[in-house]
């Protein structure tokens, strides 16, 4: 017989005994013995233990092994939890504290979620030790939802202990920008904590929209524990007052270190404003009936935790955003497609901006077109497609039916009204065809010339980008062993002179050739553009002028009112890669 704890350490001798150590068992019969545990011998080593009783024949052959698991309770005490509502809680609000109680030295010893309502104490039996006892306190009123962080990130429990999730002691989490009129559209505060060992945990208090404007997020002052880690971040989305589209947005993250101050107000003074990164945003409207566009930005802590989110629907054509530098941000925009009943999303990977930097983002600028994605930057989105690649015997590709810019991806399908075809040719011979924007094709390892083509018909869904055909050519040989290799694909970005309604204005169009990561960069040896004013029935070549190694400028023909412009763009590279993309009804004149 052996006795070990959950780490495999043997128990002291005499911890377990059997009432008898031998038995005579007739064929088909039974025998029993009583296992007795002397828990006093394990008083210094509480927790889970396992005794294994092994039965052998007189010759030593193993007949059976019987495990018996038991728990030795350490010195324990009652922890009584109560809750007090947040300041100004409506009398008819539903109030509930969602608490988490975790042993800081060994979370596996005790970690439990608990719900506590005012006037209804909850008693937990916990082993003596150091604990994090924190809660998000909610009050759900008829007109608003409010939240607050309460509790203590380190409580020493050496006797019966009472702790209050004291909403009355909480202070509002607020922010202001010197010299700028703002109202909050998002307010949040999040903590992340780890113990001496094991996985961490976190919680938050957040409000959006009208709740944020009413000051619905609170926090109790607290200091960090002496073991493990504890970090707190507050987040704010601030816009101009009033109902008109705000010309600016402040997306701010304030690191509070290992605690929450007595006054959690965040004042962004002139020096702090000078450090903010600036993003000049342009929002276009897809040229369809009932169009709209909305924008969302997520913020992440240094550990990758989600700590900020601002979403706005009432957008101007241009907006200036100011964001806290040094943190990862992820942007996305939403726009309608046909009558599918939902919005499409166009999303980027995470970006971190330098202090005082300035950059620009353009959203939903036509033409919408097919593309691939291989941005190496971090993205936790489940919508993110994998980069095209091949192995020694397989080629894998995932395409976006529609995107507004290279290295953006969508999340929702176009719908059953669209038709598509994905084909792969190797040295001029058809390898396979798929009726979807993704697929895997069996191919030999030897080097060859490939042509990947995707035909998308959206004429039953959209009045623009009604048909998009893209063909990629490239040379590729398979890697050895079990490795994978990226495909040397080209992509196109279009910067056309379109207004916010995606209608043409006077100006020069700029086309940029993008190349896959992880492969040698190729010189662009040929670049051509054609335009059509009759949905592709006839085409006219458009003169182009090379601006740099990857960009080309052209002046496209001017359409009559209501007339659509279709585009065909073709680029070729020195190492055999190329792209040939046709977008029927790329945009229309107003």
Protein backbone atom coordinates (compact mmCIF):
# COMPACT_ATOMS: atom_id res chain seq x y z
CA UNK A 1 0.00 0.00 0.00
CA UNK A 2 1.18 3.51 -0.88
CA UNK A 3 -0.12 6.95 0.13
CA UNK A 4 0.87 10.11 -1.76
CA UNK A 5 -0.34 13.68 -1.99
CA UNK A 6 -1.36 15.31 -5.26
CA UNK A 7 2.28 16.18 -5.96
CA UNK A 8 3.33 12.53 -5.64
CA UNK A 9 5.09 12.96 -2.29
CA UNK A 10 4.80 9.94 -0.01
CA UNK A 11 2.92 10.28 3.27
CA UNK A 12 4.63 9.60 6.61
CA UNK A 13 4.86 5.97 7.68
CA UNK A 14 1.77 4.75 9.52
CA UNK A 15 -0.60 7.19 7.78
CA UNK A 16 -2.68 4.32 6.41
CA UNK A 17 -3.24 0.83 7.78
CA UNK A 18 -5.30 -2.20 6.77
CA UNK A 19 -7.39 -4.29 9.15
CA UNK A 20 -5.84 -7.36 7.51
CA UNK A 21 -3.06 -7.81 5.03
CA UNK A 22 -3.91 -11.24 3.70
CA UNK A 23 -7.05 -13.06 2.64
CA UNK A 24 -8.07 -16.40 1.20
CA UNK A 25 -10.54 -15.97 -1.66
CA UNK A 26 -12.33 -18.92 -3.18
CA UNK A 27 -13.01 -18.85 -6.95
CA UNK A 28 -15.88 -16.45 -7.51
CA UNK A 29 -15.80 -15.39 -3.87
CA UNK A 30 -15.14 -12.13 -2.08
CA UNK A 31 -12.88 -10.81 0.62
CA UNK A 32 -12.55 -7.39 2.24
CA UNK A 33 -10.24 -5.35 4.38
CA UNK A 34 -10.73 -2.00 6.08
CA UNK A 35 -8.49 0.93 5.17
CA UNK A 36 -7.93 3.33 8.06
CA UNK A 37 -6.39 6.82 7.63
CA UNK A 38 -4.69 8.61 10.49
CA UNK A 39 -5.41 12.19 9.42
CA UNK A 40 -3.36 13.56 12.33
CA UNK A 41 -0.21 12.41 10.57
CA UNK A 42 -1.15 14.65 7.63
CA UNK A 43 -2.07 17.75 9.61
CA UNK A 44 0.93 19.62 8.21
CA UNK A 45 0.09 18.52 4.67
CA UNK A 46 -3.62 19.16 4.10
CA UNK A 47 -5.33 18.66 0.78
CA UNK A 48 -6.00 15.74 -1.54
CA UNK A 49 -4.22 12.42 -1.06
CA UNK A 50 -4.50 9.02 -2.68
CA UNK A 51 -3.98 5.61 -1.13
CA UNK A 52 -3.43 2.70 -3.52
CA UNK A 53 -4.08 -0.80 -2.14
CA UNK A 54 -2.43 -3.52 -4.22
CA UNK A 55 -3.49 -7.19 -3.98
CA UNK A 56 -1.00 -9.88 -5.03
CA UNK A 57 -0.95 -13.63 -5.13
CA UNK A 58 1.36 -15.60 -2.87
CA UNK A 59 3.73 -15.68 -5.83
CA UNK A 60 3.73 -11.87 -6.13
CA UNK A 61 1.53 -11.49 -9.22
CA UNK A 62 -0.66 -8.36 -9.13
CA UNK A 63 -4.35 -9.18 -8.90
CA UNK A 64 -5.77 -5.66 -8.44
CA UNK A 65 -4.94 -2.09 -7.54
CA UNK A 66 -7.61 -0.09 -5.73
CA UNK A 67 -7.16 3.70 -5.44
CA UNK A 68 -8.89 5.56 -2.62
CA UNK A 69 -8.79 9.35 -2.67
CA UNK A 70 -9.41 11.39 0.48
CA UNK A 71 -9.15 15.00 1.61
CA UNK A 72 -7.49 16.26 4.74
CA UNK A 73 -9.11 19.55 5.68
CA UNK A 74 -6.62 22.16 6.80
CA UNK A 75 -7.28 24.51 9.65
CA UNK A 76 -10.33 26.35 8.33
CA UNK A 77 -12.55 29.26 9.25
CA UNK A 78 -15.86 30.84 8.23
CA UNK A 79 -15.70 33.74 5.78
CA UNK A 80 -18.96 35.71 5.89
CA UNK A 81 -19.67 37.91 2.89
CA UNK A 82 -22.26 40.68 2.71
CA UNK A 83 -23.03 43.32 0.08
CA UNK A 84 -24.01 46.99 0.26
CA UNK A 85 -25.45 48.76 -2.86
CA UNK A 86 -23.60 51.43 -4.81
CA UNK A 87 -24.23 55.10 -3.95
CA UNK A 88 -27.61 56.27 -5.17
CA UNK A 89 -28.90 52.83 -6.09
CA UNK A 90 -32.61 52.99 -7.01
CA UNK A 91 -34.85 51.48 -4.39
CA UNK A 92 -36.28 49.03 -6.93
CA UNK A 93 -32.91 47.99 -8.43
CA UNK A 94 -31.80 44.39 -8.39
CA UNK A 95 -28.44 44.37 -6.60
CA UNK A 96 -26.01 41.49 -6.75
CA UNK A 97 -22.30 41.12 -6.06
CA UNK A 98 -20.52 38.56 -8.23
CA UNK A 99 -17.57 37.65 -6.04
CA UNK A 100 -14.49 35.52 -6.46
CA UNK A 101 -12.57 34.15 -3.48
CA UNK A 102 -9.12 32.74 -4.28
CA UNK A 103 -6.31 31.45 -2.07
CA UNK A 104 -3.29 33.55 -3.04
CA UNK A 105 -0.65 31.00 -2.12
CA UNK A 106 -2.33 28.04 -3.81
CA UNK A 107 -5.45 28.73 -5.91
CA UNK A 108 -6.00 24.98 -6.24
CA UNK A 109 -6.57 24.85 -2.48
CA UNK A 110 -9.57 27.18 -2.69
CA UNK A 111 -11.07 29.20 -5.54
CA UNK A 112 -14.78 29.81 -5.75
CA UNK A 113 -17.29 32.16 -7.35
CA UNK A 114 -20.11 33.35 -5.17
CA UNK A 115 -23.19 35.56 -5.53
CA UNK A 116 -24.11 37.87 -2.66
CA UNK A 117 -27.24 40.02 -2.32
CA UNK A 118 -27.76 42.80 0.23
CA UNK A 119 -29.32 41.45 3.42
CA UNK A 120 -28.44 37.84 2.54
CA UNK A 121 -25.00 36.97 3.94
CA UNK A 122 -23.11 34.08 2.40
CA UNK A 123 -20.79 31.94 4.55
CA UNK A 124 -17.85 30.07 3.03
CA UNK A 125 -15.66 27.59 4.88
CA UNK A 126 -12.10 28.36 3.79
CA UNK A 127 -8.67 27.10 4.85
CA UNK A 128 -6.60 29.58 6.82
CA UNK A 129 -4.39 31.70 4.59
CA UNK A 130 -4.19 34.74 2.32
CA UNK A 131 -7.07 35.39 -0.05
CA UNK A 132 -8.23 37.68 -2.80
CA UNK A 133 -11.86 38.56 -2.07
CA UNK A 134 -13.16 40.80 -4.85
CA UNK A 135 -16.50 41.35 -6.55
CA UNK A 136 -18.18 43.25 -9.33
CA UNK A 137 -21.24 44.83 -7.75
CA UNK A 138 -24.21 45.34 -10.07
CA UNK A 139 -27.41 47.26 -9.67
CA UNK A 140 -29.95 46.67 -12.40
CA UNK A 141 -32.52 49.45 -12.32
CA UNK A 142 -35.48 50.12 -14.58
CA UNK A 143 -33.60 52.88 -16.41
CA UNK A 144 -29.94 51.98 -16.09
CA UNK A 145 -27.32 49.38 -15.24
CA UNK A 146 -24.47 50.34 -12.91
CA UNK A 147 -21.37 48.42 -11.84
CA UNK A 148 -18.57 48.76 -9.34
CA UNK A 149 -15.44 46.92 -8.26
CA UNK A 150 -15.37 46.18 -4.53
CA UNK A 151 -13.54 44.01 -2.04
CA UNK A 152 -9.91 43.47 -1.10
CA UNK A 153 -7.17 41.83 -3.21
CA UNK A 154 -5.49 40.44 -0.05
CA UNK A 155 -7.28 39.33 3.10
CA UNK A 156 -5.49 37.27 5.78
CA UNK A 157 -7.89 34.73 7.25
CA UNK A 158 -6.64 33.26 10.52
CA UNK A 159 -9.99 33.23 12.30
CA UNK A 160 -13.66 33.59 11.42
CA UNK A 161 -13.78 36.70 9.22
CA UNK A 162 -16.49 39.01 7.87
CA UNK A 163 -16.00 41.09 4.74
CA UNK A 164 -18.36 43.58 3.10
CA UNK A 165 -18.56 44.21 -0.64
CA UNK A 166 -19.14 47.84 0.26
CA UNK A 167 -20.67 49.66 -2.67
CA UNK A 168 -21.30 52.69 -0.46
CA UNK A 169 -17.53 53.28 -0.27
CA UNK A 170 -17.13 53.22 -4.06
CA UNK A 171 -16.22 56.35 -6.02
CA UNK A 172 -17.26 57.10 -9.63
CA UNK A 173 -14.71 56.35 -12.33
CA UNK A 174 -14.56 59.46 -14.52
CA UNK A 175 -12.29 61.33 -16.94
CA UNK A 176 -11.89 64.78 -18.44
CA UNK A 177 -9.68 66.39 -21.08
CA UNK A 178 -8.35 69.87 -20.32
CA UNK A 179 -9.75 72.42 -22.76
CA UNK A 180 -12.04 69.94 -24.57
CA UNK A 181 -15.76 69.41 -23.96
CA UNK A 182 -16.38 65.69 -23.67
CA UNK A 183 -19.00 63.21 -22.55
CA UNK A 184 -18.27 59.55 -21.85
CA UNK A 185 -19.66 56.93 -24.19
CA UNK A 186 -17.59 54.15 -22.59
CA UNK A 187 -16.18 53.80 -19.08
CA UNK A 188 -14.59 50.70 -17.60
CA UNK A 189 -12.22 49.47 -14.95
CA UNK A 190 -10.60 46.03 -15.00
CA UNK A 191 -8.29 44.18 -12.66
CA UNK A 192 -6.06 41.19 -13.39
CA UNK A 193 -4.63 39.11 -10.56
CA UNK A 194 -2.45 36.05 -10.08
CA UNK A 195 -1.50 34.17 -6.93
CA UNK A 196 1.84 32.73 -6.00
CA UNK A 197 1.25 29.96 -8.54
CA UNK A 198 -1.37 28.84 -11.02
CA UNK A 199 -3.59 30.63 -13.48
CA UNK A 200 -4.86 34.17 -12.95
CA UNK A 201 -8.33 35.66 -12.80
CA UNK A 202 -9.91 39.03 -13.51
CA UNK A 203 -13.11 41.03 -13.34
CA UNK A 204 -14.42 44.40 -14.48
CA UNK A 205 -17.04 47.10 -14.20
CA UNK A 206 -18.17 48.65 -17.50
CA UNK A 207 -20.80 50.93 -18.95
CA UNK A 208 -21.61 52.06 -22.47
CA UNK A 209 -23.81 54.70 -24.06
CA UNK A 210 -26.33 56.41 -21.81
CA UNK A 211 -25.19 54.44 -18.78
CA UNK A 212 -21.63 55.68 -19.29
CA UNK A 213 -22.85 59.26 -19.66
CA UNK A 214 -24.74 58.95 -16.35
CA UNK A 215 -21.57 57.97 -14.46
CA UNK A 216 -22.47 54.35 -13.85
CA UNK A 217 -19.04 52.85 -13.10
CA UNK A 218 -17.57 52.87 -9.59
CA UNK A 219 -14.60 51.46 -7.72
CA UNK A 220 -13.60 51.06 -4.08
CA UNK A 221 -10.06 52.23 -3.22
CA UNK A 222 -7.71 49.29 -2.73
CA UNK A 223 -4.03 48.45 -2.54
CA UNK A 224 -2.29 45.50 -4.14
CA UNK A 225 -1.43 42.25 -2.39
CA UNK A 226 2.00 41.21 -1.17
CA UNK A 227 2.01 38.01 -3.21
CA UNK A 228 1.44 37.33 -6.88
CA UNK A 229 0.51 40.16 -9.22
CA UNK A 230 -2.31 42.68 -9.29
CA UNK A 231 -2.81 45.27 -12.03
CA UNK A 232 -5.69 47.63 -12.72
CA UNK A 233 -6.55 49.57 -15.86
CA UNK A 234 -9.30 52.12 -16.38
CA UNK A 235 -10.64 52.82 -19.88
CA UNK A 236 -12.63 55.71 -21.31
CA UNK A 237 -14.24 56.62 -24.60
CA UNK A 238 -14.98 60.37 -24.74
CA UNK A 239 -16.78 62.28 -27.50
CA UNK A 240 -18.24 65.73 -28.08
CA UNK A 241 -21.52 66.54 -26.29
CA UNK A 242 -24.77 66.56 -28.23
CA UNK A 243 -26.54 64.36 -30.75
CA UNK A 244 -24.54 65.36 -33.84
CA UNK A 245 -21.75 63.04 -35.03
CA UNK A 246 -18.71 63.76 -32.90
CA UNK A 247 -15.71 65.15 -34.82
CA UNK A 248 -13.35 63.58 -32.27
CA UNK A 249 -12.99 60.54 -30.04
CA UNK A 250 -10.65 60.02 -27.12
CA UNK A 251 -9.98 56.32 -26.53
CA UNK A 252 -7.96 56.26 -23.34
CA UNK A 253 -6.44 53.59 -21.13
CA UNK A 254 -5.12 54.64 -17.74
CA UNK A 255 -2.81 52.16 -15.97
CA UNK A 256 -3.49 52.38 -12.24
CA UNK A 257 -0.69 50.06 -11.19
CA UNK A 258 -1.33 47.63 -8.36
CA UNK A 259 -4.32 49.36 -6.82
CA UNK A 260 -7.20 51.82 -7.14
CA UNK A 261 -6.71 55.37 -5.84
CA UNK A 262 -9.09 57.06 -3.44
CA UNK A 263 -10.13 59.40 -6.28
CA UNK A 264 -10.25 57.45 -9.57
CA UNK A 265 -10.87 60.56 -11.71
CA UNK A 266 -8.50 60.81 -14.70
CA UNK A 267 -7.56 64.32 -15.79
CA UNK A 268 -5.86 64.46 -19.19
CA UNK A 269 -3.79 67.61 -18.98
CA UNK A 270 -1.84 69.32 -21.76
CA UNK A 271 1.27 67.20 -21.30
CA UNK A 272 -0.77 64.01 -21.40
CA UNK A 273 -2.61 65.18 -24.52
CA UNK A 274 0.70 65.77 -26.29
CA UNK A 275 1.61 62.11 -25.75
CA UNK A 276 -1.58 60.74 -27.28
CA UNK A 277 -1.38 59.10 -30.68
CA UNK A 278 -3.60 60.65 -33.35
CA UNK A 279 -5.60 58.68 -35.92
CA UNK A 280 -7.30 60.56 -38.75
CA UNK A 281 -10.35 58.47 -39.59
CA UNK A 282 -12.35 58.52 -42.83
CA UNK A 283 -15.65 56.67 -43.00
CA UNK A 284 -17.28 55.87 -46.33
CA UNK A 285 -20.79 54.59 -46.91
CA UNK A 286 -21.20 51.56 -49.13
CA UNK A 287 -23.19 52.74 -52.16
CA UNK A 288 -26.38 50.80 -51.48
CA UNK A 289 -29.88 51.72 -50.24
CA UNK A 290 -30.25 52.06 -46.47
CA UNK A 291 -26.52 52.32 -45.99
CA UNK A 292 -24.73 53.13 -42.75
CA UNK A 293 -21.38 52.54 -41.10
CA UNK A 294 -20.31 52.04 -37.50
CA UNK A 295 -16.92 51.70 -35.84
CA UNK A 296 -15.58 49.79 -32.85
CA UNK A 297 -12.20 49.81 -31.15
CA UNK A 298 -10.94 47.32 -28.57
CA UNK A 299 -8.04 47.91 -26.20
CA UNK A 300 -5.83 45.29 -24.57
CA UNK A 301 -3.62 45.16 -21.50
CA UNK A 302 0.06 44.15 -21.72
CA UNK A 303 -0.99 40.57 -20.93
CA UNK A 304 -3.50 40.56 -23.81
CA UNK A 305 -6.59 40.95 -21.62
CA UNK A 306 -9.55 42.82 -23.08
CA UNK A 307 -9.85 46.09 -21.12
CA UNK A 308 -11.46 48.68 -23.42
CA UNK A 309 -14.21 48.86 -26.01
CA UNK A 310 -15.83 51.85 -27.70
CA UNK A 311 -18.51 51.51 -30.39
CA UNK A 312 -20.17 54.40 -32.21
CA UNK A 313 -22.90 54.30 -34.84
CA UNK A 314 -23.46 57.98 -35.59
CA UNK A 315 -20.28 58.70 -37.54
CA UNK A 316 -19.11 61.76 -39.48
CA UNK A 317 -17.28 61.41 -42.77
CA UNK A 318 -14.07 62.38 -40.97
CA UNK A 319 -13.13 62.04 -37.33
CA UNK A 320 -9.97 62.63 -35.33
CA UNK A 321 -9.21 59.97 -32.75
CA UNK A 322 -6.74 60.24 -29.91
CA UNK A 323 -5.60 57.00 -28.29
CA UNK A 324 -3.27 56.11 -25.45
CA UNK A 325 0.13 55.08 -26.83
CA UNK A 326 1.89 51.87 -25.88
CA UNK A 327 -1.24 49.72 -25.69
CA UNK A 328 -2.55 47.34 -28.34
CA UNK A 329 -5.71 48.49 -30.13
CA UNK A 330 -7.89 46.63 -32.61
CA UNK A 331 -10.21 48.51 -34.98
CA UNK A 332 -13.18 47.33 -37.01
CA UNK A 333 -16.04 48.83 -38.97
CA UNK A 334 -19.49 47.47 -39.81
CA UNK A 335 -21.53 48.05 -42.95
CA UNK A 336 -24.69 46.49 -44.43
CA UNK A 337 -24.67 44.07 -47.35
CA UNK A 338 -27.91 43.59 -49.25
CA UNK A 339 -30.91 42.49 -47.23
CA UNK A 340 -29.15 39.77 -45.24
CA UNK A 341 -30.35 41.30 -41.97
CA UNK A 342 -26.91 41.83 -40.48
CA UNK A 343 -23.82 43.93 -41.00
CA UNK A 344 -20.53 42.82 -42.48
CA UNK A 345 -17.42 43.54 -40.44
CA UNK A 346 -14.04 44.65 -41.74
CA UNK A 347 -11.39 44.20 -39.09
CA UNK A 348 -7.67 44.75 -38.65
CA UNK A 349 -5.10 43.04 -36.45
CA UNK A 350 -3.84 44.78 -33.33
CA UNK A 351 -1.84 47.98 -33.65
CA UNK A 352 0.29 49.75 -31.05
CA UNK A 353 0.87 53.46 -31.62
CA UNK A 354 3.86 55.52 -30.57
CA UNK A 355 3.49 58.57 -28.35
CA UNK A 356 2.77 61.70 -30.37
CA UNK A 357 2.46 59.76 -33.64
CA UNK A 358 -0.04 60.47 -36.40
CA UNK A 359 -1.61 57.96 -38.80
CA UNK A 360 -4.76 57.55 -40.85
CA UNK A 361 -7.37 54.86 -41.38
CA UNK A 362 -9.93 54.69 -44.19
CA UNK A 363 -12.99 52.48 -43.90
CA UNK A 364 -15.40 51.00 -46.48
CA UNK A 365 -13.88 52.81 -49.43
CA UNK A 366 -14.81 51.06 -52.65
CA UNK A 367 -14.12 48.95 -54.55
CA UNK A 368 -15.01 46.00 -52.36
CA UNK A 369 -13.03 43.05 -53.66
CA UNK A 370 -11.68 39.57 -52.93
CA UNK A 371 -8.40 39.27 -51.06
CA UNK A 372 -6.23 37.06 -48.85
CA UNK A 373 -4.80 37.83 -45.42
CA UNK A 374 -1.42 37.15 -43.79
CA UNK A 375 -0.83 39.98 -41.32
CA UNK A 376 1.62 38.63 -38.69
CA UNK A 377 0.35 41.07 -36.07
CA UNK A 378 -1.65 39.66 -33.16
CA UNK A 379 -5.40 39.15 -33.49
CA UNK A 380 -7.54 37.16 -31.09
CA UNK A 381 -10.54 37.26 -33.40
CA UNK A 382 -12.09 33.95 -34.37
CA UNK A 383 -12.86 35.54 -37.74
CA UNK A 384 -9.20 35.81 -38.68
CA UNK A 385 -8.41 33.60 -41.69
CA UNK A 386 -5.18 31.68 -41.96
CA UNK A 387 -2.54 32.86 -44.40
CA UNK A 388 -2.30 30.92 -47.69
CA UNK A 389 0.36 28.20 -47.48
CA UNK A 390 1.49 24.89 -48.88
CA UNK A 391 3.17 21.74 -47.64
CA UNK A 392 5.00 19.10 -49.66
CA UNK A 393 1.66 17.67 -50.80
CA UNK A 394 -1.12 20.17 -50.09
CA UNK A 395 -2.04 23.79 -50.84
CA UNK A 396 -4.35 25.61 -48.42
CA UNK A 397 -6.12 28.90 -49.15
CA UNK A 398 -8.71 31.01 -47.34
CA UNK A 399 -10.03 34.14 -49.06
CA UNK A 400 -12.30 36.97 -48.01
CA UNK A 401 -15.18 37.36 -50.45
CA UNK A 402 -15.14 41.12 -49.90
CA UNK A 403 -12.76 43.48 -48.15
CA UNK A 404 -12.17 47.20 -48.32
CA UNK A 405 -8.41 47.04 -47.75
CA UNK A 406 -5.60 44.51 -47.79
CA UNK A 407 -4.90 42.93 -44.37
CA UNK A 408 -8.47 43.31 -43.26
CA UNK A 409 -10.88 40.45 -42.87
CA UNK A 410 -14.59 39.94 -42.42
CA UNK A 411 -16.63 37.69 -40.21
CA UNK A 412 -19.99 37.09 -41.81
CA UNK A 413 -20.85 35.27 -45.04
CA UNK A 414 -22.37 37.15 -47.93
CA UNK A 415 -25.41 34.88 -48.14
CA UNK A 416 -26.98 32.19 -50.27
CA UNK A 417 -27.73 34.63 -53.09
CA UNK A 418 -24.07 34.78 -54.12
CA UNK A 419 -22.26 32.21 -56.27
CA UNK A 420 -18.55 31.51 -56.34
CA UNK A 421 -15.91 29.23 -57.78
CA UNK A 422 -12.32 28.64 -56.63
CA UNK A 423 -10.03 26.80 -59.04
CA UNK A 424 -6.35 25.84 -59.00
CA UNK A 425 -4.26 25.02 -62.06
CA UNK A 426 -0.75 23.57 -61.98
CA UNK A 427 1.36 23.99 -65.13
CA UNK A 428 -1.84 24.65 -67.06
CA UNK A 429 -3.74 21.57 -65.81
CA UNK A 430 -6.74 21.78 -63.48
CA UNK A 431 -5.97 20.50 -59.98
CA UNK A 432 -9.41 21.04 -58.47
CA UNK A 433 -12.40 23.31 -57.94
CA UNK A 434 -14.29 24.42 -54.83
CA UNK A 435 -17.60 26.24 -54.53
CA UNK A 436 -16.34 28.35 -51.63
CA UNK A 437 -13.65 30.98 -50.92
CA UNK A 438 -11.49 28.38 -49.18
CA UNK A 439 -10.12 24.96 -49.90
CA UNK A 440 -7.26 22.49 -49.83
CA UNK A 441 -5.77 20.95 -52.96
CA UNK A 442 -3.46 17.94 -53.26
CA UNK A 443 -0.33 18.86 -55.23
CA UNK A 444 3.11 17.33 -55.89
CA UNK A 445 6.18 18.67 -54.10
CA UNK A 446 8.09 19.52 -57.29
CA UNK A 447 8.33 23.15 -58.46
CA UNK A 448 5.61 24.33 -60.84
CA UNK A 449 3.69 27.37 -62.02
CA UNK A 450 0.27 27.79 -60.41
CA UNK A 451 -2.83 29.80 -61.23
CA UNK A 452 -5.39 30.30 -58.46
CA UNK A 453 -8.65 31.91 -59.58
CA UNK A 454 -11.72 33.00 -57.66
CA UNK A 455 -14.94 34.09 -59.37
CA UNK A 456 -17.58 35.76 -57.21
CA UNK A 457 -21.03 36.80 -58.46
CA UNK A 458 -22.88 39.19 -56.13
CA UNK A 459 -25.27 40.63 -58.68
CA UNK A 460 -28.25 39.32 -56.68
CA UNK A 461 -26.93 40.91 -53.49
CA UNK A 462 -25.25 44.23 -54.27
CA UNK A 463 -25.52 47.01 -56.89
CA UNK A 464 -21.72 47.49 -56.65
CA UNK A 465 -18.92 44.93 -56.93
CA UNK A 466 -21.50 42.78 -58.64
CA UNK A 467 -18.90 40.43 -60.10
CA UNK A 468 -15.33 40.12 -58.87
CA UNK A 469 -12.80 37.89 -60.60
CA UNK A 470 -9.28 37.52 -59.26
CA UNK A 471 -6.49 35.34 -60.63
CA UNK A 472 -3.18 34.86 -58.86
CA UNK A 473 -0.18 33.36 -60.64
CA UNK A 474 2.93 32.21 -58.79
CA UNK A 475 5.77 29.70 -58.82
CA UNK A 476 6.12 27.34 -55.89
CA UNK A 477 7.90 24.19 -54.74
CA UNK A 478 6.99 22.22 -51.63
CA UNK A 479 9.11 22.25 -48.48
CA UNK A 480 10.70 19.07 -47.21
CA UNK A 481 9.43 17.03 -44.31
CA UNK A 482 6.42 18.28 -42.41
CA UNK A 483 7.09 22.00 -42.89
CA UNK A 484 4.89 24.57 -44.57
CA UNK A 485 5.74 27.50 -46.81
CA UNK A 486 3.87 30.73 -47.61
CA UNK A 487 2.60 31.33 -51.12
CA UNK A 488 4.23 34.25 -53.02
CA UNK A 489 0.92 36.01 -53.74
CA UNK A 490 0.26 39.59 -54.82
CA UNK A 491 -2.63 41.76 -53.60
CA UNK A 492 -3.98 45.18 -54.61
CA UNK A 493 -4.97 48.23 -52.62
CA UNK A 494 -7.08 50.93 -54.25
CA UNK A 495 -7.00 54.56 -53.13
CA UNK A 496 -9.59 56.12 -55.42
CA UNK A 497 -10.78 59.75 -55.24
CA UNK A 498 -14.24 58.97 -53.79
CA UNK A 499 -16.32 61.07 -51.41
CA UNK A 500 -17.96 59.75 -48.27
CA UNK A 501 -20.81 58.33 -50.33
CA UNK A 502 -18.27 56.44 -52.49
CA UNK A 503 -19.03 58.65 -55.48
CA UNK A 504 -16.14 59.87 -57.68
CA UNK A 505 -14.54 63.27 -57.26
CA UNK A 506 -11.79 64.92 -59.24
CA UNK A 507 -8.38 63.53 -58.49
CA UNK A 508 -5.81 60.82 -59.09
CA UNK A 509 -6.27 57.17 -58.26
CA UNK A 510 -3.40 55.32 -56.60
CA UNK A 511 -2.96 51.56 -56.80
CA UNK A 512 -0.52 49.71 -54.55
CA UNK A 513 0.82 46.19 -55.01
CA UNK A 514 1.11 44.24 -51.74
CA UNK A 515 3.20 41.10 -51.35
CA UNK A 516 3.02 38.13 -49.00
CA UNK A 517 5.09 37.94 -45.83
CA UNK A 518 7.80 35.33 -45.51
CA UNK A 519 8.82 35.27 -49.19
CA UNK A 520 11.39 37.35 -51.11
CA UNK A 521 10.07 40.70 -52.33
CA UNK A 522 9.74 40.85 -56.10
CA UNK A 523 10.22 43.84 -58.35
CA UNK A 524 6.95 44.81 -60.03
CA UNK A 525 7.82 44.55 -63.71
CA UNK A 526 4.45 45.35 -65.26
CA UNK A 527 1.35 47.21 -64.11
CA UNK A 528 -1.74 47.94 -66.20
CA UNK A 529 -5.21 49.35 -65.60
CA UNK A 530 -8.36 49.18 -67.74
CA UNK A 531 -11.71 50.86 -67.14
CA UNK A 532 -15.19 50.15 -68.47
CA UNK A 533 -18.31 52.30 -68.46
CA UNK A 534 -20.62 49.52 -69.75
CA UNK A 535 -20.23 46.82 -67.06
CA UNK A 536 -17.28 45.17 -68.78
CA UNK A 537 -18.68 44.90 -72.30
CA UNK A 538 -15.82 47.05 -73.57
CA UNK A 539 -12.59 48.18 -71.93
CA UNK A 540 -10.25 51.09 -72.40
CA UNK A 541 -6.64 51.12 -71.21
CA UNK A 542 -5.81 53.80 -68.66
CA UNK A 543 -2.31 55.37 -68.67
CA UNK A 544 -0.45 54.76 -65.42
CA UNK A 545 2.54 56.43 -63.83
CA UNK A 546 4.79 54.62 -61.37
CA UNK A 547 5.21 56.51 -58.10
CA UNK A 548 7.53 54.15 -56.25
CA UNK A 549 8.44 50.49 -56.20
CA UNK A 550 4.90 49.38 -55.33
CA UNK A 551 2.54 52.29 -56.15
CA UNK A 552 1.07 53.48 -59.45
CA UNK A 553 -1.09 56.51 -60.25
CA UNK A 554 -3.80 56.91 -62.88
CA UNK A 555 -6.63 59.26 -63.78
CA UNK A 556 -9.76 57.20 -64.39
CA UNK A 557 -12.49 58.18 -66.87
CA UNK A 558 -15.25 60.45 -65.59
CA UNK A 559 -18.64 58.70 -65.56
CA UNK A 560 -21.97 60.40 -66.21
CA UNK A 561 -24.46 60.77 -63.37
CA UNK A 562 -25.59 57.34 -62.21
CA UNK A 563 -23.07 55.57 -64.43
CA UNK A 564 -20.90 52.80 -62.97
CA UNK A 565 -17.16 52.35 -63.47
CA UNK A 566 -15.70 48.84 -63.71
CA UNK A 567 -11.99 48.23 -63.23
CA UNK A 568 -9.45 45.64 -64.27
CA UNK A 569 -5.98 45.83 -62.73
CA UNK A 570 -3.06 43.56 -63.55
CA UNK A 571 0.39 43.42 -61.94
CA UNK A 572 3.34 41.13 -62.66
CA UNK A 573 6.50 40.42 -60.66
CA UNK A 574 10.06 39.50 -61.61
CA UNK A 575 9.85 36.07 -59.94
CA UNK A 576 6.67 34.99 -61.68
CA UNK A 577 3.98 36.20 -59.29
CA UNK A 578 1.07 38.20 -60.60
CA UNK A 579 -2.48 39.31 -59.96
CA UNK A 580 -5.27 40.05 -62.42
CA UNK A 581 -8.38 41.48 -60.73
CA UNK A 582 -11.63 42.62 -62.33
CA UNK A 583 -14.34 44.41 -60.36
CA UNK A 584 -17.57 45.02 -62.27
CA UNK A 585 -19.33 48.18 -61.06
CA UNK A 586 -16.49 49.14 -58.72
CA UNK A 587 -18.24 52.44 -57.98
CA UNK A 588 -20.96 54.71 -59.37
CA UNK A 589 -21.32 58.40 -60.00
CA UNK A 590 -23.87 60.15 -57.83
